[in-house]
Structures are given as structure tokens and as C-alpha cells.
């Protein structure tokens, strides 16, 4: 198999939408189901103004890039961490966190995990 035949392209609209509160949504683009043989995963989220997600913690670290908008990452113990377009975020494994859109525009975020799918996750 040559290098070009190993490259996979996944269209945003080709994967199922994961509905979130307030009309927000996510899609997992790069997963074992969409590309196979991967060791990391990649997703795309849109958080509408006023969206406040419930706390989650993952078995692996999570990394994200804020494409547009601004908000904060609320954590269980400690002050919220503000973020804005053009910034990257690293959330260590096992940290309870929740995305909150505090702006008047959508927060668009690309995120990923060092795991072939969405990693095992606890929710509150």
C-alpha cells in the first residue's frame, strides 16, 4: 500500500451529529469507525451562545483548538479557565471540566484525544 492510499478524508457531514444542550452539537470525525487503524481521534463542536455543558472527565488527555468565539472551561476544583478564538487548550486526563459559551456568538472548537475513539468518559 502506497502512502496516498493510506490517507483518509472524512467529510463533516458524513458522520452522525451528537446533539448537545441548547442546539449545540459535536461530530467525531476521525475514529476507528471512520478511518480504522488510527491511534488518535478528532472531533468538531459548535456551542451556541449560553450553552453550559455538564461536567465530564476522560481517561485520556483532551486537546482542543478554539476556531471562533470565546467562553470558559469550568473545572471541579478551581477557577474557570477563559478561552478565545486562536487558542489551544490541553485538559489532562481525569480532570472534571465543562465547556461554557459566555459569548454572543457560536464557539467552534476542534478537539481530539490520544485514543482511537471518544475515550471512556464519566459524566455528572
N, C-alpha and C. Protein backbone atom coordinates (compact mmCIF):
# COMPACT_ATOMS: atom_id res chain seq x y z
N UNK A 1 0.85 -1.17 0.00
CA UNK A 1 0.00 0.00 0.00
C UNK A 1 0.90 1.24 0.00
N UNK A 2 0.70 2.13 -0.95
CA UNK A 2 1.48 3.35 -1.02
C UNK A 2 0.96 4.38 -0.05
N UNK A 3 1.73 5.46 0.18
CA UNK A 3 1.34 6.47 1.16
C UNK A 3 0.02 7.16 0.82
N UNK A 4 -0.27 7.39 -0.46
CA UNK A 4 -1.52 8.06 -0.81
C UNK A 4 -2.73 7.18 -0.55
N UNK A 5 -2.60 5.88 -0.72
CA UNK A 5 -3.74 5.00 -0.48
C UNK A 5 -4.03 4.85 1.01
N UNK A 6 -3.09 5.24 1.86
CA UNK A 6 -3.29 5.16 3.30
C UNK A 6 -3.98 6.41 3.86
N UNK A 7 -4.03 7.48 3.08
CA UNK A 7 -4.63 8.74 3.54
C UNK A 7 -6.15 8.65 3.48
N UNK A 8 -6.80 9.08 4.53
CA UNK A 8 -8.27 9.06 4.61
C UNK A 8 -8.77 10.49 4.75
N UNK A 9 -9.88 10.79 4.11
CA UNK A 9 -10.55 12.08 4.23
C UNK A 9 -11.96 11.81 4.73
N UNK A 10 -12.36 12.53 5.79
CA UNK A 10 -13.69 12.35 6.37
C UNK A 10 -14.42 13.69 6.30
N UNK A 11 -15.51 13.74 5.59
CA UNK A 11 -16.33 14.94 5.46
C UNK A 11 -17.16 15.14 6.72
N UNK A 12 -17.26 16.38 7.18
CA UNK A 12 -18.01 16.70 8.40
C UNK A 12 -19.44 16.17 8.34
N UNK A 13 -20.09 16.33 7.20
CA UNK A 13 -21.49 15.91 7.07
C UNK A 13 -21.67 14.40 6.97
N UNK A 14 -20.56 13.65 6.81
CA UNK A 14 -20.68 12.21 6.62
C UNK A 14 -20.78 11.43 7.93
N UNK A 15 -20.57 12.10 9.07
CA UNK A 15 -20.66 11.41 10.36
C UNK A 15 -21.85 11.93 11.14
N UNK A 16 -22.36 11.10 12.03
CA UNK A 16 -23.55 11.44 12.80
C UNK A 16 -23.30 12.62 13.73
N UNK A 17 -24.30 13.46 13.84
CA UNK A 17 -24.27 14.60 14.76
C UNK A 17 -24.62 14.10 16.16
N UNK A 18 -23.88 14.58 17.15
CA UNK A 18 -24.16 14.30 18.55
C UNK A 18 -24.81 15.55 19.11
N UNK A 19 -26.10 15.46 19.42
CA UNK A 19 -26.82 16.63 19.93
C UNK A 19 -26.42 16.93 21.36
N UNK A 20 -26.21 18.23 21.62
CA UNK A 20 -25.86 18.73 22.95
C UNK A 20 -26.91 19.76 23.37
N UNK A 21 -26.93 20.18 24.63
CA UNK A 21 -27.93 21.15 25.08
C UNK A 21 -27.90 22.46 24.28
N UNK A 22 -29.06 23.11 24.19
CA UNK A 22 -29.16 24.44 23.60
C UNK A 22 -28.92 24.50 22.11
N UNK A 23 -29.10 23.40 21.40
CA UNK A 23 -28.87 23.39 19.96
C UNK A 23 -27.41 23.22 19.59
N UNK A 24 -26.55 23.03 20.57
CA UNK A 24 -25.13 22.78 20.31
C UNK A 24 -24.97 21.34 19.80
N UNK A 25 -23.82 21.06 19.18
CA UNK A 25 -23.60 19.72 18.66
C UNK A 25 -22.11 19.44 18.46
N UNK A 26 -21.81 18.16 18.34
CA UNK A 26 -20.45 17.69 18.04
C UNK A 26 -20.54 16.60 16.98
N UNK A 27 -19.42 16.37 16.33
CA UNK A 27 -19.27 15.23 15.42
C UNK A 27 -17.87 14.68 15.63
N UNK A 28 -17.76 13.37 15.79
CA UNK A 28 -16.45 12.72 15.86
C UNK A 28 -16.05 12.33 14.45
N UNK A 29 -15.01 12.98 13.92
CA UNK A 29 -14.61 12.79 12.53
C UNK A 29 -13.63 11.64 12.33
N UNK A 30 -12.55 11.67 13.08
CA UNK A 30 -11.53 10.62 12.95
C UNK A 30 -11.70 9.67 14.13
N UNK A 31 -12.19 8.48 13.83
CA UNK A 31 -12.36 7.42 14.83
C UNK A 31 -12.04 6.10 14.15
N UNK A 32 -11.99 5.05 14.94
CA UNK A 32 -11.75 3.74 14.38
C UNK A 32 -12.84 3.38 13.37
N UNK A 33 -14.07 3.82 13.62
CA UNK A 33 -15.18 3.51 12.71
C UNK A 33 -15.07 4.25 11.38
N UNK A 34 -14.50 5.46 11.38
CA UNK A 34 -14.45 6.25 10.15
C UNK A 34 -13.18 6.03 9.34
N UNK A 35 -12.06 5.73 9.98
CA UNK A 35 -10.81 5.57 9.24
C UNK A 35 -10.11 4.24 9.50
N UNK A 36 -10.27 3.68 10.68
CA UNK A 36 -9.66 2.39 11.01
C UNK A 36 -8.15 2.45 11.13
N UNK A 37 -7.63 1.82 12.16
CA UNK A 37 -6.19 1.76 12.35
C UNK A 37 -5.57 2.99 12.96
N UNK A 38 -6.36 3.97 13.33
CA UNK A 38 -5.86 5.21 13.92
C UNK A 38 -5.51 5.01 15.39
N UNK A 39 -4.62 5.86 15.91
CA UNK A 39 -4.28 5.81 17.33
C UNK A 39 -4.79 7.04 18.08
N UNK A 40 -5.28 8.04 17.35
CA UNK A 40 -5.84 9.25 17.95
C UNK A 40 -7.16 9.55 17.26
N UNK A 41 -7.99 10.38 17.90
CA UNK A 41 -9.29 10.74 17.34
C UNK A 41 -9.41 12.25 17.25
N UNK A 42 -10.35 12.71 16.41
CA UNK A 42 -10.54 14.14 16.18
C UNK A 42 -12.02 14.42 16.05
N UNK A 43 -12.47 15.52 16.69
CA UNK A 43 -13.87 15.91 16.61
C UNK A 43 -14.02 17.39 16.36
N UNK A 44 -15.26 17.80 16.13
CA UNK A 44 -15.61 19.19 15.81
C UNK A 44 -16.88 19.51 16.57
N UNK A 45 -16.90 20.64 17.28
CA UNK A 45 -18.07 21.04 18.06
C UNK A 45 -18.47 22.47 17.77
N UNK A 46 -19.77 22.71 17.88
CA UNK A 46 -20.33 24.06 17.83
C UNK A 46 -21.17 24.23 19.10
N UNK A 47 -20.79 25.24 19.91
CA UNK A 47 -21.51 25.53 21.16
C UNK A 47 -22.22 26.88 20.97
N UNK A 48 -23.53 26.86 21.02
CA UNK A 48 -24.31 28.08 20.82
C UNK A 48 -24.20 29.00 22.05
N UNK A 49 -24.48 30.30 21.86
CA UNK A 49 -24.40 31.24 23.00
C UNK A 49 -25.24 30.76 24.18
N UNK A 50 -24.67 30.84 25.37
CA UNK A 50 -25.36 30.44 26.59
C UNK A 50 -25.26 28.97 26.93
N UNK A 51 -24.70 28.16 26.05
CA UNK A 51 -24.57 26.73 26.32
C UNK A 51 -23.66 26.49 27.52
N UNK A 52 -24.10 25.63 28.40
CA UNK A 52 -23.29 25.21 29.55
C UNK A 52 -23.41 23.70 29.66
N UNK A 53 -22.33 23.00 29.36
CA UNK A 53 -22.35 21.55 29.41
C UNK A 53 -22.16 21.04 30.84
N UNK A 54 -22.53 19.80 31.06
CA UNK A 54 -22.31 19.16 32.35
C UNK A 54 -20.85 18.74 32.46
N UNK A 55 -20.39 18.56 33.69
CA UNK A 55 -19.01 18.14 33.93
C UNK A 55 -18.75 16.74 33.38
N UNK A 56 -17.57 16.57 32.76
CA UNK A 56 -17.10 15.27 32.29
C UNK A 56 -15.63 15.11 32.66
N UNK A 57 -15.17 13.87 32.69
CA UNK A 57 -13.73 13.62 32.78
C UNK A 57 -13.43 12.40 31.94
N UNK A 58 -12.30 12.45 31.24
CA UNK A 58 -11.91 11.40 30.31
C UNK A 58 -10.72 10.63 30.86
N UNK A 59 -10.58 9.38 30.42
CA UNK A 59 -9.43 8.55 30.81
C UNK A 59 -8.14 9.04 30.18
N UNK A 60 -8.25 9.81 29.10
CA UNK A 60 -7.07 10.34 28.41
C UNK A 60 -7.11 11.86 28.46
N UNK A 61 -5.98 12.48 28.14
CA UNK A 61 -5.98 13.93 28.00
C UNK A 61 -6.84 14.30 26.79
N UNK A 62 -7.26 15.56 26.78
CA UNK A 62 -8.01 16.11 25.65
C UNK A 62 -7.30 17.38 25.21
N UNK A 63 -7.23 17.59 23.92
CA UNK A 63 -6.66 18.83 23.41
C UNK A 63 -7.68 19.45 22.47
N UNK A 64 -7.71 20.77 22.42
CA UNK A 64 -8.69 21.47 21.60
C UNK A 64 -8.10 22.75 21.04
N UNK A 65 -8.65 23.19 19.92
CA UNK A 65 -8.30 24.47 19.32
C UNK A 65 -9.60 25.23 19.12
N UNK A 66 -9.63 26.48 19.60
CA UNK A 66 -10.83 27.31 19.50
C UNK A 66 -10.77 28.07 18.17
N UNK A 67 -11.64 27.71 17.25
CA UNK A 67 -11.68 28.32 15.93
C UNK A 67 -12.35 29.69 15.98
N UNK A 68 -13.45 29.78 16.72
CA UNK A 68 -14.15 31.06 16.86
C UNK A 68 -14.90 31.11 18.18
N UNK A 69 -15.23 32.34 18.59
CA UNK A 69 -15.97 32.54 19.83
C UNK A 69 -15.07 32.56 21.05
N UNK A 70 -15.72 32.66 22.21
CA UNK A 70 -14.98 32.65 23.47
C UNK A 70 -15.88 32.09 24.56
N UNK A 71 -15.27 31.69 25.64
CA UNK A 71 -16.03 31.12 26.74
C UNK A 71 -15.10 30.74 27.86
N UNK A 72 -15.52 29.75 28.62
CA UNK A 72 -14.69 29.29 29.72
C UNK A 72 -14.85 27.80 29.91
N UNK A 73 -13.82 27.23 30.46
CA UNK A 73 -13.82 25.83 30.83
C UNK A 73 -13.96 25.80 32.34
N UNK A 74 -15.10 25.34 32.81
CA UNK A 74 -15.30 25.23 34.25
C UNK A 74 -14.73 23.91 34.71
N UNK A 75 -14.06 23.97 35.86
CA UNK A 75 -13.45 22.78 36.43
C UNK A 75 -14.02 22.55 37.82
N UNK A 76 -13.91 21.32 38.30
CA UNK A 76 -14.50 20.98 39.60
C UNK A 76 -13.84 21.74 40.75
N UNK A 77 -12.53 21.77 40.76
CA UNK A 77 -11.81 22.42 41.85
C UNK A 77 -10.95 23.54 41.29
N UNK A 78 -11.39 24.77 41.47
CA UNK A 78 -10.58 25.89 41.00
C UNK A 78 -11.38 26.84 40.13
N UNK A 79 -10.75 27.95 39.79
CA UNK A 79 -11.44 28.96 38.97
C UNK A 79 -11.60 28.48 37.53
N UNK A 80 -12.58 29.03 36.84
CA UNK A 80 -12.79 28.72 35.43
C UNK A 80 -11.61 29.23 34.61
N UNK A 81 -11.34 28.54 33.52
CA UNK A 81 -10.26 28.90 32.62
C UNK A 81 -10.88 29.52 31.37
N UNK A 82 -10.58 30.80 31.11
CA UNK A 82 -11.13 31.50 29.95
C UNK A 82 -10.40 31.06 28.69
N UNK A 83 -11.14 31.03 27.56
CA UNK A 83 -10.52 30.73 26.27
C UNK A 83 -11.17 31.59 25.19
N UNK A 84 -10.45 31.79 24.10
CA UNK A 84 -10.94 32.59 22.99
C UNK A 84 -10.38 32.05 21.68
N UNK A 85 -10.97 32.51 20.58
CA UNK A 85 -10.54 32.10 19.25
C UNK A 85 -9.02 32.24 19.11
N UNK A 86 -8.41 31.26 18.48
CA UNK A 86 -6.97 31.29 18.25
C UNK A 86 -6.16 30.65 19.35
N UNK A 87 -6.83 30.11 20.36
CA UNK A 87 -6.11 29.50 21.49
C UNK A 87 -6.29 27.98 21.48
N UNK A 88 -5.27 27.30 21.96
CA UNK A 88 -5.32 25.85 22.14
C UNK A 88 -5.47 25.55 23.64
N UNK A 89 -6.13 24.45 23.93
CA UNK A 89 -6.40 24.04 25.31
C UNK A 89 -5.93 22.61 25.48
N UNK A 90 -5.26 22.33 26.59
CA UNK A 90 -4.90 20.96 26.95
C UNK A 90 -5.53 20.65 28.30
N UNK A 91 -6.34 19.60 28.35
CA UNK A 91 -7.00 19.18 29.58
C UNK A 91 -6.42 17.82 29.96
N UNK A 92 -5.68 17.74 31.07
CA UNK A 92 -5.10 16.46 31.48
C UNK A 92 -6.18 15.40 31.75
N UNK A 93 -5.81 14.15 31.62
CA UNK A 93 -6.72 13.04 31.93
C UNK A 93 -7.21 13.15 33.37
N UNK A 94 -8.47 12.80 33.59
CA UNK A 94 -9.02 12.74 34.93
C UNK A 94 -9.46 14.07 35.53
N UNK A 95 -9.44 15.16 34.76
CA UNK A 95 -9.86 16.48 35.25
C UNK A 95 -11.33 16.70 34.88
N UNK A 96 -12.17 16.93 35.89
CA UNK A 96 -13.57 17.26 35.62
C UNK A 96 -13.63 18.63 34.96
N UNK A 97 -14.34 18.74 33.83
CA UNK A 97 -14.42 20.01 33.11
C UNK A 97 -15.73 20.12 32.33
N UNK A 98 -16.12 21.34 32.03
CA UNK A 98 -17.34 21.61 31.27
C UNK A 98 -17.14 22.87 30.44
N UNK A 99 -17.50 22.81 29.17
CA UNK A 99 -17.42 23.97 28.29
C UNK A 99 -18.64 24.85 28.52
N UNK A 100 -18.39 26.17 28.62
CA UNK A 100 -19.46 27.15 28.76
C UNK A 100 -19.22 28.25 27.73
N UNK A 101 -20.22 28.51 26.89
CA UNK A 101 -20.11 29.61 25.93
C UNK A 101 -20.66 30.86 26.59
N UNK A 102 -19.78 31.78 26.92
CA UNK A 102 -20.17 33.03 27.58
C UNK A 102 -20.28 34.18 26.60
N UNK A 103 -20.13 33.91 25.29
CA UNK A 103 -20.14 34.98 24.29
C UNK A 103 -21.49 35.03 23.57
N UNK A 104 -21.63 36.02 22.70
CA UNK A 104 -22.85 36.20 21.93
C UNK A 104 -22.77 35.50 20.57
N UNK A 105 -21.66 34.79 20.30
CA UNK A 105 -21.51 34.06 19.04
C UNK A 105 -21.20 32.60 19.34
N UNK A 106 -21.37 31.76 18.32
CA UNK A 106 -21.04 30.35 18.49
C UNK A 106 -19.56 30.18 18.83
N UNK A 107 -19.28 29.23 19.70
CA UNK A 107 -17.91 28.77 19.91
C UNK A 107 -17.74 27.55 19.02
N UNK A 108 -16.76 27.61 18.14
CA UNK A 108 -16.43 26.48 17.28
C UNK A 108 -15.08 25.95 17.76
N UNK A 109 -15.04 24.65 18.00
CA UNK A 109 -13.85 24.04 18.59
C UNK A 109 -13.54 22.73 17.87
N UNK A 110 -12.27 22.52 17.57
CA UNK A 110 -11.78 21.25 17.07
C UNK A 110 -11.06 20.58 18.24
N UNK A 111 -11.36 19.31 18.49
CA UNK A 111 -10.79 18.66 19.67
C UNK A 111 -10.34 17.25 19.33
N UNK A 112 -9.49 16.71 20.19
CA UNK A 112 -9.02 15.36 19.94
C UNK A 112 -8.51 14.68 21.20
N UNK A 113 -8.25 13.39 21.03
CA UNK A 113 -7.79 12.55 22.13
C UNK A 113 -6.72 11.59 21.62
N UNK A 114 -5.76 11.21 22.45
CA UNK A 114 -4.81 10.16 22.08
C UNK A 114 -5.46 8.79 22.30
N UNK A 115 -6.55 8.56 21.60
CA UNK A 115 -7.37 7.36 21.73
C UNK A 115 -8.07 7.17 20.38
N UNK A 116 -8.24 5.96 19.88
CA UNK A 116 -8.81 5.78 18.56
C UNK A 116 -10.29 6.15 18.43
N UNK A 117 -10.96 6.36 19.52
CA UNK A 117 -12.37 6.78 19.54
C UNK A 117 -12.53 7.80 20.66
N UNK A 118 -13.77 8.25 20.86
CA UNK A 118 -14.05 9.08 22.03
C UNK A 118 -13.69 8.21 23.23
N UNK A 119 -12.82 8.68 24.13
CA UNK A 119 -12.31 7.79 25.19
C UNK A 119 -13.36 7.50 26.26
N UNK A 120 -13.13 6.48 27.08
CA UNK A 120 -14.02 6.24 28.21
C UNK A 120 -14.14 7.52 29.04
N UNK A 121 -15.39 7.87 29.37
CA UNK A 121 -15.70 9.16 29.97
C UNK A 121 -16.74 9.01 31.07
N UNK A 122 -16.54 9.70 32.17
CA UNK A 122 -17.55 9.78 33.23
C UNK A 122 -18.28 11.11 33.09
N UNK A 123 -19.57 11.12 33.41
CA UNK A 123 -20.38 12.33 33.29
C UNK A 123 -21.12 12.60 34.59
N UNK A 124 -21.33 13.89 34.84
CA UNK A 124 -22.13 14.29 36.02
C UNK A 124 -23.36 15.03 35.57
